[in-house]
Amino acid sequence: MQGLGVSELSPRIMASLGGLVIVALILVLRNSRSRPLRLERLWIRPAIAGLAVVALLIRSPPLLNLANVALLLASLAGGAALGWQRGKLTRLELDPASKQLTARVSPLGVVIVLLIVVARTFLRTAVADGELSLHGLSSADSLADALVFFAAATMVTQQAEIMIRARRLLAASA
């Protein structure tokens, strides 16, 4: 069996790979240092994610057949588990003098996000090219809905875990 050469990859996959390289660079640069953590602002991203899910459900409600409901519930559960893990992997530090919290995402957390972006990109490409069958799902929209649910659950759970740990850290230093 012979491997694929670069010239044999579709233009869509090549464009996706270029985008993935850019996303990887941005993630690595953005998460390479500690940043101040403001507890009073941790609710903003989960609220935006929640509003995005509600808007999605209002704009185009998913077909409620068994396959779609199972996919959405699995996406929520998987996203929540991943968010909890990412929150756990985030390094929190407290400056004893100023009581300023800082957070730094672990390299493993960045790798997890990159893997999600890669999976999403290749799933979308495979569905669009007809290489992946959506047995039992109403359409490619079902897969897109599941990815939105997964991302929202990841974000909400990660922020909740960080908030819980940050409050404990502050309480222990008081």
Protein backbone atom coordinates (compact mmCIF):
# COMPACT_ATOMS: atom_id res chain seq x y z
CA MET A 1 0.00 0.00 0.00
CA GLN A 2 1.42 3.30 -1.05
CA GLY A 3 0.94 6.55 0.93
CA LEU A 4 -0.66 9.64 -0.48
CA GLY A 5 1.65 12.25 -1.88
CA VAL A 6 1.04 15.94 -1.30
CA SER A 7 0.00 16.34 -4.92
CA GLU A 8 -2.76 13.72 -4.43
CA LEU A 9 -4.50 15.59 -1.60
CA SER A 10 -7.58 17.55 -2.56
CA PRO A 11 -7.36 21.35 -2.63
CA ARG A 12 -9.99 21.46 0.12
CA ILE A 13 -7.80 19.36 2.43
CA MET A 14 -4.72 21.41 1.59
CA ALA A 15 -6.61 24.63 2.43
CA SER A 16 -7.80 23.05 5.68
CA LEU A 17 -4.24 22.08 6.59
CA GLY A 18 -3.08 25.65 5.99
CA GLY A 19 -5.84 26.94 8.23
CA LEU A 20 -4.95 24.40 10.90
CA VAL A 21 -1.34 25.56 10.92
CA ILE A 22 -2.49 29.13 11.47
CA VAL A 23 -4.86 28.06 14.29
CA ALA A 24 -2.05 26.06 15.90
CA LEU A 25 0.31 29.03 15.83
CA ILE A 26 -2.31 31.36 17.31
CA LEU A 27 -3.14 28.89 20.09
CA VAL A 28 0.49 28.29 20.99
CA LEU A 29 1.33 32.01 21.04
CA ARG A 30 -1.82 32.96 22.94
CA ASN A 31 -1.35 30.31 25.63
CA SER A 32 2.42 30.47 26.07
CA ARG A 33 2.31 32.74 29.11
CA SER A 34 0.20 33.30 32.21
CA ARG A 35 -2.58 35.83 31.99
CA PRO A 36 -4.52 37.61 34.72
CA LEU A 37 -7.67 35.75 35.74
CA ARG A 38 -10.68 37.87 36.61
CA LEU A 39 -13.31 35.83 38.42
CA GLU A 40 -15.96 38.45 37.75
CA ARG A 41 -15.59 37.85 33.98
CA LEU A 42 -15.54 34.06 33.87
CA TRP A 43 -19.29 33.91 33.20
CA ILE A 44 -19.07 35.86 29.92
CA ARG A 45 -17.82 33.11 27.57
CA PRO A 46 -20.23 30.45 28.87
CA ALA A 47 -23.10 32.95 28.53
CA ILE A 48 -22.14 33.65 24.92
CA ALA A 49 -21.87 29.91 24.23
CA GLY A 50 -25.27 29.34 25.79
CA LEU A 51 -26.81 32.11 23.71
CA ALA A 52 -25.24 30.65 20.57
CA VAL A 53 -26.79 27.24 21.31
CA VAL A 54 -30.19 28.81 22.01
CA ALA A 55 -29.96 30.86 18.79
CA LEU A 56 -29.02 27.71 16.87
CA LEU A 57 -31.98 25.81 18.31
CA ILE A 58 -34.38 28.65 17.50
CA ARG A 59 -33.00 29.24 13.99
CA SER A 60 -32.95 25.60 12.94
CA PRO A 61 -34.33 23.16 15.49
CA PRO A 62 -32.74 19.72 15.19
CA LEU A 63 -34.85 16.80 14.06
CA LEU A 64 -35.68 14.89 17.23
CA ASN A 65 -35.19 11.33 16.09
CA LEU A 66 -33.29 8.79 18.17
CA ALA A 67 -30.01 9.14 16.27
CA ASN A 68 -29.94 12.96 16.51
CA VAL A 69 -30.90 13.06 20.19
CA ALA A 70 -28.24 10.43 20.98
CA LEU A 71 -25.64 12.41 19.03
CA LEU A 72 -26.51 15.67 20.82
CA LEU A 73 -26.49 14.04 24.27
CA ALA A 74 -23.16 12.34 23.52
CA SER A 75 -21.79 15.70 22.35
CA LEU A 76 -22.88 17.39 25.58
CA ALA A 77 -21.42 14.62 27.73
CA GLY A 78 -18.16 14.49 25.79
CA GLY A 79 -17.84 18.28 25.80
CA ALA A 80 -18.51 18.45 29.55
CA ALA A 81 -15.91 15.76 30.25
CA LEU A 82 -13.35 17.50 28.06
CA GLY A 83 -14.09 20.90 29.58
CA TRP A 84 -13.69 19.56 33.08
CA GLN A 85 -10.35 18.02 32.11
CA ARG A 86 -9.14 21.22 30.42
CA GLY A 87 -10.18 23.23 33.48
CA LYS A 88 -8.29 20.81 35.68
CA LEU A 89 -5.19 21.11 33.51
CA THR A 90 -5.21 24.92 33.65
CA ARG A 91 -2.51 26.12 36.02
CA LEU A 92 -3.78 28.71 38.49
CA GLU A 93 -1.42 30.80 40.59
CA LEU A 94 -2.06 33.40 43.26
CA ASP A 95 0.35 36.20 44.03
CA PRO A 96 0.27 36.31 47.86
CA ALA A 97 1.08 40.02 48.02
CA SER A 98 -1.41 41.38 45.49
CA LYS A 99 -3.96 38.51 45.65
CA GLN A 100 -3.92 38.57 41.83
CA LEU A 101 -4.87 35.29 40.17
CA THR A 102 -3.18 34.19 36.96
CA ALA A 103 -4.04 31.30 34.69
CA ARG A 104 -1.99 29.41 32.16
CA VAL A 105 -3.41 26.74 29.91
CA SER A 106 -1.35 23.57 29.90
CA PRO A 107 0.27 22.41 26.66
CA LEU A 108 -1.95 19.32 26.81
CA GLY A 109 -4.99 21.60 26.83
CA VAL A 110 -3.74 23.29 23.67
CA VAL A 111 -3.17 19.89 22.03
CA ILE A 112 -6.74 18.87 22.93
CA VAL A 113 -8.14 21.98 21.25
CA LEU A 114 -6.01 21.37 18.17
CA LEU A 115 -7.26 17.78 17.96
CA ILE A 116 -10.86 19.01 18.11
CA VAL A 117 -10.19 21.52 15.33
CA VAL A 118 -8.51 18.83 13.21
CA ALA A 119 -11.38 16.36 13.78
CA ARG A 120 -13.98 19.00 12.94
CA THR A 121 -12.15 20.03 9.78
CA PHE A 122 -11.72 16.51 8.47
CA LEU A 123 -15.25 15.43 9.42
CA ARG A 124 -16.69 18.41 7.59
CA THR A 125 -14.50 17.71 4.55
CA ALA A 126 -15.38 14.00 4.56
CA VAL A 127 -19.11 14.73 4.75
CA ALA A 128 -18.91 17.38 2.03
CA ASP A 129 -16.92 15.06 -0.26
CA GLY A 130 -19.37 12.20 0.35
CA GLU A 131 -16.69 10.03 1.95
CA LEU A 132 -18.55 9.80 5.27
CA SER A 133 -22.09 8.49 5.49
CA LEU A 134 -24.47 10.01 8.00
CA HIS A 135 -26.52 6.87 8.73
CA GLY A 136 -29.57 7.77 10.76
CA LEU A 137 -28.78 11.47 10.92
CA SER A 138 -31.02 13.95 9.16
CA SER A 139 -28.18 15.83 7.47
CA ALA A 140 -24.74 17.30 7.83
CA ASP A 141 -26.51 19.92 9.97
CA SER A 142 -26.84 17.25 12.67
CA LEU A 143 -23.08 16.93 12.78
CA ALA A 144 -22.68 20.71 12.89
CA ASP A 145 -25.22 20.95 15.74
CA ALA A 146 -23.33 18.28 17.65
CA LEU A 147 -20.06 20.18 17.26
CA VAL A 148 -21.69 23.37 18.56
CA PHE A 149 -23.12 21.50 21.56
CA PHE A 150 -19.72 19.89 22.18
CA ALA A 151 -17.90 23.23 22.06
CA ALA A 152 -20.44 24.97 24.30
CA ALA A 153 -20.37 22.18 26.89
CA THR A 154 -16.56 22.23 26.84
CA MET A 155 -16.43 25.98 27.40
CA VAL A 156 -19.08 26.08 30.14
CA THR A 157 -17.57 23.19 32.09
CA GLN A 158 -14.00 24.45 31.74
CA GLN A 159 -14.93 27.88 33.04
CA ALA A 160 -16.93 26.36 35.91
CA GLU A 161 -13.97 24.18 36.94
CA ILE A 162 -11.59 27.14 36.79
CA MET A 163 -13.99 29.26 38.85
CA ILE A 164 -14.34 26.56 41.53
CA ARG A 165 -10.57 26.07 41.76
CA ALA A 166 -9.86 29.82 41.79
CA ARG A 167 -12.35 30.43 44.62
CA ARG A 168 -10.78 27.60 46.63
CA LEU A 169 -7.34 29.08 46.06
CA LEU A 170 -8.50 32.52 47.21
CA ALA A 171 -10.27 31.07 50.26
CA ALA A 172 -7.18 29.07 51.26
CA SER A 173 -5.01 32.20 51.14
CA ALA A 174 -7.36 34.29 53.30
